[in-house]
């Protein structure tokens, strides 16, 4: 993939995202490829006074000459009516996390699906996939559900605090991935937990601003694997409990990295280097450790 692009101007729109590593990954990769790069965090929690609407934020970025925006919680579904065209991936899952501004139009993509799937393939090779519980049926959950189906999960059990949303996602997965048996549940019980091979958290629970765990720790077993999409903190309470129980765990870093790799390519038309972008991501942990020792 080649491009004569000389600069990158992009941003991330979301709530409670000031610790995101996405800006540094994009800027470091752009600069490594000889581009001038600016990537802005647009955190609605940081606004004083009245918060602009999503439509206003998108329009402002477009008018300011941005190449595009990444979209995160809680806007991945809300963004849909504001777009001109959707990629096949985004249309299938009904969720967008990357918007590209080009030729006066807004193009919506979903890089979460490939991002989670790629991280899962690399980090959870060989794990059993007969029955997996997905917690969260929002914008990220929709992408993760389809990614799990693509990674060979046979039975997908879906829980969300909004039971109708969980049911809608189960029906959507059945339609888009008919080889998977998808079922919505209204509560996570011991009977449900006893049947599981794996658990995936696709909710904000576990983030610094949403502490806690989405899955009862008492239901964990050493033969169950656990994955999270939250990456700040990298070791969520859910994963900490799972690791202490003896579970194989997958942090949210994989999805964060690979969705950014694909988004960078969409913004710039240039192929990204995953190894280089991972090094940028991992550098945050090195800095944190050095600060703690100082």
Protein backbone atom coordinates (compact mmCIF):
# COMPACT_ATOMS: atom_id res chain seq x y z
CA UNK A 1 0.00 0.00 0.00
CA UNK A 2 1.52 3.28 -1.08
CA UNK A 3 0.56 6.92 -0.65
CA UNK A 4 2.20 10.29 -1.16
CA UNK A 5 0.48 11.66 1.93
CA UNK A 6 2.65 14.14 3.85
CA UNK A 7 0.60 14.68 7.00
CA UNK A 8 -1.99 13.21 9.33
CA UNK A 9 -4.63 15.20 11.22
CA UNK A 10 -7.06 13.01 13.16
CA UNK A 11 -8.72 12.63 16.54
CA UNK A 12 -10.56 10.36 18.94
CA UNK A 13 -14.07 11.25 20.14
CA UNK A 14 -15.35 9.62 23.30
CA UNK A 15 -16.05 9.82 27.01
CA UNK A 16 -13.39 9.37 29.69
CA UNK A 17 -10.56 8.81 27.20
CA UNK A 18 -7.75 11.04 28.49
CA UNK A 19 -5.53 8.00 29.14
CA UNK A 20 -5.94 6.63 25.63
CA UNK A 21 -2.77 5.44 23.90
CA UNK A 22 -4.27 5.85 20.44
CA UNK A 23 -2.88 9.35 19.73
CA UNK A 24 0.71 8.32 20.35
CA UNK A 25 0.40 5.17 18.24
CA UNK A 26 -0.88 7.14 15.24
CA UNK A 27 1.53 10.05 15.59
CA UNK A 28 4.61 7.87 16.09
CA UNK A 29 3.72 5.71 13.09
CA UNK A 30 3.02 8.73 10.90
CA UNK A 31 6.31 10.36 11.87
CA UNK A 32 8.18 7.09 11.25
CA UNK A 33 6.80 7.24 7.71
CA UNK A 34 7.92 10.83 7.21
CA UNK A 35 4.60 12.55 7.84
CA UNK A 36 3.80 15.52 10.04
CA UNK A 37 1.19 14.30 12.50
CA UNK A 38 -1.36 15.71 14.92
CA UNK A 39 -3.87 13.45 16.66
CA UNK A 40 -6.23 15.10 19.15
CA UNK A 41 -8.20 13.64 22.04
CA UNK A 42 -11.76 14.98 22.04
CA UNK A 43 -13.01 13.86 25.45
CA UNK A 44 -16.54 15.09 26.21
CA UNK A 45 -15.80 14.73 29.94
CA UNK A 46 -13.15 17.44 29.59
CA UNK A 47 -15.52 20.13 28.28
CA UNK A 48 -16.47 22.91 30.67
CA UNK A 49 -20.11 23.91 30.49
CA UNK A 50 -22.42 22.61 27.79
CA UNK A 51 -21.07 19.62 25.88
CA UNK A 52 -21.32 19.85 22.08
CA UNK A 53 -23.41 17.21 20.35
CA UNK A 54 -21.72 14.43 18.41
CA UNK A 55 -22.95 16.04 15.19
CA UNK A 56 -21.30 19.31 16.18
CA UNK A 57 -18.01 17.61 17.04
CA UNK A 58 -17.90 15.72 13.75
CA UNK A 59 -18.76 18.83 11.75
CA UNK A 60 -16.08 20.86 13.54
CA UNK A 61 -13.42 18.25 12.75
CA UNK A 62 -14.55 18.08 9.14
CA UNK A 63 -14.42 21.86 8.74
CA UNK A 64 -10.98 21.94 10.39
CA UNK A 65 -9.53 19.70 7.71
CA UNK A 66 -9.22 16.48 9.70
CA UNK A 67 -8.46 13.33 7.70
CA UNK A 68 -10.81 11.45 9.99
CA UNK A 69 -11.89 10.50 13.49
CA UNK A 70 -11.82 7.45 15.65
CA UNK A 71 -15.07 7.00 17.58
CA UNK A 72 -15.31 5.25 20.91
CA UNK A 73 -17.71 4.81 23.85
CA UNK A 74 -20.53 5.86 23.88
CA UNK A 75 -20.83 6.98 20.24
CA UNK A 76 -20.16 3.94 18.04
CA UNK A 77 -23.82 3.47 17.15
CA UNK A 78 -24.93 7.08 17.54
CA UNK A 79 -22.49 8.08 14.78
CA UNK A 80 -24.28 6.04 12.10
CA UNK A 81 -26.92 8.60 10.97
CA UNK A 82 -24.19 11.23 10.56
CA UNK A 83 -22.34 9.29 7.85
CA UNK A 84 -22.70 9.23 4.06
CA UNK A 85 -21.42 5.72 3.38
CA UNK A 86 -20.57 2.59 5.37
CA UNK A 87 -18.04 -0.12 4.63
CA UNK A 88 -19.40 -3.66 4.30
CA UNK A 89 -17.96 -4.44 7.74
CA UNK A 90 -19.59 -1.45 9.41
CA UNK A 91 -22.91 -2.09 7.69
CA UNK A 92 -22.95 -5.73 8.78
CA UNK A 93 -22.31 -5.01 12.45
CA UNK A 94 -24.13 -1.66 12.65
CA UNK A 95 -21.28 0.01 14.52
CA UNK A 96 -18.56 2.46 13.47
CA UNK A 97 -15.29 3.31 15.21
CA UNK A 98 -13.45 5.01 12.32
CA UNK A 99 -14.71 7.86 10.16
CA UNK A 100 -12.74 9.01 7.11
CA UNK A 101 -13.38 12.44 5.56
CA UNK A 102 -12.76 12.29 1.84
CA UNK A 103 -14.05 14.20 -1.19
CA UNK A 104 -16.68 15.97 0.86
CA UNK A 105 -18.13 12.76 2.27
CA UNK A 106 -17.98 10.85 5.55
CA UNK A 107 -17.10 7.17 5.27
CA UNK A 108 -17.74 4.90 8.25
CA UNK A 109 -15.65 1.81 8.99
CA UNK A 110 -15.40 -0.72 11.79
CA UNK A 111 -11.82 -1.68 12.61
CA UNK A 112 -12.78 -3.10 16.02
CA UNK A 113 -13.97 -6.36 14.46
CA UNK A 114 -10.67 -7.11 12.73
CA UNK A 115 -8.74 -5.62 15.64
CA UNK A 116 -10.26 -7.93 18.25
CA UNK A 117 -10.11 -10.95 15.94
CA UNK A 118 -6.43 -10.40 15.13
CA UNK A 119 -5.52 -9.89 18.79
CA UNK A 120 -7.48 -13.01 19.73
CA UNK A 121 -5.85 -15.16 17.05
CA UNK A 122 -2.40 -14.11 18.19
CA UNK A 123 -3.02 -14.17 21.94
CA UNK A 124 -5.47 -17.04 22.45
CA UNK A 125 -4.34 -19.64 19.96
CA UNK A 126 -5.61 -23.12 20.85
CA UNK A 127 -8.19 -22.13 23.49
CA UNK A 128 -11.52 -24.03 23.52
CA UNK A 129 -14.36 -22.14 21.82
CA UNK A 130 -17.46 -24.27 22.27
CA UNK A 131 -19.34 -21.85 24.54
CA UNK A 132 -18.25 -18.25 25.14
CA UNK A 133 -19.95 -15.53 27.17
CA UNK A 134 -19.89 -12.00 25.77
CA UNK A 135 -20.70 -9.29 28.30
CA UNK A 136 -21.86 -6.10 26.60
CA UNK A 137 -23.99 -5.63 23.48
CA UNK A 138 -23.15 -2.00 22.74
CA UNK A 139 -21.08 -0.64 19.88
CA UNK A 140 -17.92 -2.51 20.87
CA UNK A 141 -19.85 -5.65 21.81
CA UNK A 142 -21.43 -5.85 18.38
CA UNK A 143 -18.00 -5.91 16.73
CA UNK A 144 -16.56 -8.36 19.27
CA UNK A 145 -19.53 -10.72 18.82
CA UNK A 146 -18.89 -10.97 15.10
CA UNK A 147 -15.14 -11.30 15.67
CA UNK A 148 -15.70 -14.21 18.06
CA UNK A 149 -17.89 -15.88 15.46
CA UNK A 150 -15.13 -15.40 12.87
CA UNK A 151 -12.63 -16.92 15.32
CA UNK A 152 -14.56 -20.18 15.55
CA UNK A 153 -16.84 -19.80 18.57
CA UNK A 154 -19.65 -22.33 18.23
CA UNK A 155 -22.09 -21.04 20.87
CA UNK A 156 -22.13 -17.39 21.86
CA UNK A 157 -24.02 -16.41 25.01
CA UNK A 158 -24.68 -12.68 25.29
CA UNK A 159 -25.44 -10.68 28.43
CA UNK A 160 -26.19 -6.97 28.66
CA UNK A 161 -27.89 -4.90 31.34
CA UNK A 162 -30.33 -4.02 28.58
CA UNK A 163 -31.85 -7.44 27.82
CA UNK A 164 -33.53 -6.22 24.63
CA UNK A 165 -30.18 -5.04 23.30
CA UNK A 166 -28.64 -8.43 24.08
CA UNK A 167 -31.50 -10.17 22.28
CA UNK A 168 -31.15 -7.89 19.26
CA UNK A 169 -27.42 -8.66 19.04
CA UNK A 170 -28.06 -12.40 19.31
CA UNK A 171 -30.49 -12.18 16.39
CA UNK A 172 -28.07 -10.05 14.40
CA UNK A 173 -25.22 -12.53 14.88
CA UNK A 174 -27.49 -15.43 13.89
CA UNK A 175 -28.35 -13.58 10.67
CA UNK A 176 -24.82 -12.49 9.79
CA UNK A 177 -22.99 -15.61 11.03
CA UNK A 178 -25.50 -18.51 10.72
CA UNK A 179 -22.83 -21.06 11.68
CA UNK A 180 -22.91 -19.70 15.26
CA UNK A 181 -25.61 -20.36 17.84
CA UNK A 182 -26.17 -17.02 19.59
CA UNK A 183 -28.36 -16.73 22.69
CA UNK A 184 -29.20 -13.79 24.97
CA UNK A 185 -29.48 -14.23 28.73
CA UNK A 186 -30.96 -11.93 31.38
CA UNK A 187 -28.54 -12.83 34.21
CA UNK A 188 -25.12 -14.42 34.72
CA UNK A 189 -25.81 -17.40 36.97
CA UNK A 190 -23.63 -20.24 38.18
CA UNK A 191 -25.43 -22.61 35.82
CA UNK A 192 -24.47 -20.38 32.90
CA UNK A 193 -20.90 -19.98 34.15
CA UNK A 194 -20.42 -23.74 34.56
CA UNK A 195 -20.96 -24.26 30.82
CA UNK A 196 -18.43 -21.69 29.63
CA UNK A 197 -15.04 -22.07 27.95
CA UNK A 198 -14.36 -18.35 27.84
CA UNK A 199 -15.58 -14.91 28.91
CA UNK A 200 -15.16 -11.59 27.10
CA UNK A 201 -15.88 -8.21 28.65
CA UNK A 202 -16.97 -5.67 26.04
CA UNK A 203 -18.30 -3.07 28.49
CA UNK A 204 -16.54 -0.06 30.08
CA UNK A 205 -16.66 -1.79 33.48
CA UNK A 206 -13.09 -1.98 34.74
CA UNK A 207 -11.99 1.40 33.39
CA UNK A 208 -10.65 3.90 35.92
CA UNK A 209 -13.95 5.79 35.81
CA UNK A 210 -16.07 2.61 35.93
CA UNK A 211 -14.40 0.39 38.55
CA UNK A 212 -15.58 -3.12 39.28
CA UNK A 213 -15.90 -6.40 37.43
CA UNK A 214 -18.64 -7.42 34.99
CA UNK A 215 -18.38 -11.12 35.88
CA UNK A 216 -18.77 -12.60 39.39
CA UNK A 217 -15.29 -13.68 40.52
CA UNK A 218 -16.76 -16.61 42.48
CA UNK A 219 -17.88 -18.19 39.18
CA UNK A 220 -14.39 -18.25 37.65
CA UNK A 221 -12.59 -21.57 37.06
CA UNK A 222 -8.95 -22.23 36.12
CA UNK A 223 -10.00 -23.95 32.87
CA UNK A 224 -11.86 -20.87 31.60
CA UNK A 225 -10.12 -18.15 29.61
CA UNK A 226 -10.90 -14.45 30.06
CA UNK A 227 -10.54 -11.50 27.68
CA UNK A 228 -11.17 -7.78 28.10
CA UNK A 229 -11.40 -4.89 25.66
CA UNK A 230 -10.54 -2.30 28.35
CA UNK A 231 -6.87 -1.32 28.27
CA UNK A 232 -6.64 1.53 30.75
CA UNK A 233 -5.89 0.00 33.12
CA UNK A 234 -4.32 -2.87 31.23
CA UNK A 235 -4.96 -5.24 34.15
CA UNK A 236 -8.62 -4.74 34.97
CA UNK A 237 -10.21 -6.08 38.13
CA UNK A 238 -11.87 -8.77 36.00
CA UNK A 239 -8.56 -9.93 34.51
CA UNK A 240 -6.82 -9.72 37.90
CA UNK A 241 -9.41 -12.08 39.41
CA UNK A 242 -9.15 -14.38 36.40
CA UNK A 243 -5.35 -14.48 36.53
CA UNK A 244 -5.42 -15.20 40.28
CA UNK A 245 -7.81 -18.08 39.61
CA UNK A 246 -5.41 -19.56 37.06
CA UNK A 247 -7.25 -18.55 33.91
CA UNK A 248 -5.51 -17.74 30.67
CA UNK A 249 -6.12 -14.03 30.05
CA UNK A 250 -6.12 -11.62 27.10
CA UNK A 251 -5.89 -7.88 27.89
CA UNK A 252 -7.45 -5.17 25.76
CA UNK A 253 -4.09 -4.17 24.30
CA UNK A 254 -4.48 -6.51 21.31
CA UNK A 255 -7.73 -5.00 20.12
CA UNK A 256 -6.45 -1.47 20.82
CA UNK A 257 -3.33 -2.10 18.74
CA UNK A 258 -4.83 -3.81 15.72
CA UNK A 259 -7.86 -1.56 15.37
CA UNK A 260 -5.38 1.34 15.31
CA UNK A 261 -3.26 -0.40 12.67
CA UNK A 262 -6.27 -0.68 10.37
CA UNK A 263 -7.53 2.82 11.15
CA UNK A 264 -4.12 4.33 10.34
CA UNK A 265 -4.23 2.67 6.93
CA UNK A 266 -7.71 4.06 6.29
CA UNK A 267 -6.70 7.59 7.33
CA UNK A 268 -3.47 7.70 5.34
CA UNK A 269 -3.58 5.08 2.60
CA UNK A 270 -0.23 3.82 3.93
CA UNK A 271 0.47 0.38 5.36
CA UNK A 272 1.14 0.50 9.11
CA UNK A 273 3.85 -1.44 10.93
CA UNK A 274 2.17 -3.38 13.80
CA UNK A 275 5.49 -4.09 15.51
CA UNK A 276 6.38 -0.40 15.56
CA UNK A 277 2.93 0.59 16.78
CA UNK A 278 3.03 -2.06 19.50
CA UNK A 279 6.36 -0.68 20.70
CA UNK A 280 4.71 2.73 21.08
CA UNK A 281 1.81 1.18 22.97
CA UNK A 282 4.13 -0.77 25.27
CA UNK A 283 6.25 2.31 25.96
CA UNK A 284 3.44 3.60 28.19
CA UNK A 285 4.06 0.71 30.61
CA UNK A 286 7.79 1.42 30.66
CA UNK A 287 7.13 5.08 31.49
CA UNK A 288 4.62 4.13 34.20
CA UNK A 289 7.08 1.74 35.83
CA UNK A 290 9.87 4.32 35.73
CA UNK A 291 7.59 6.94 37.29
CA UNK A 292 6.55 4.54 40.05
CA UNK A 293 10.20 3.89 40.93
CA UNK A 294 11.19 7.57 40.90
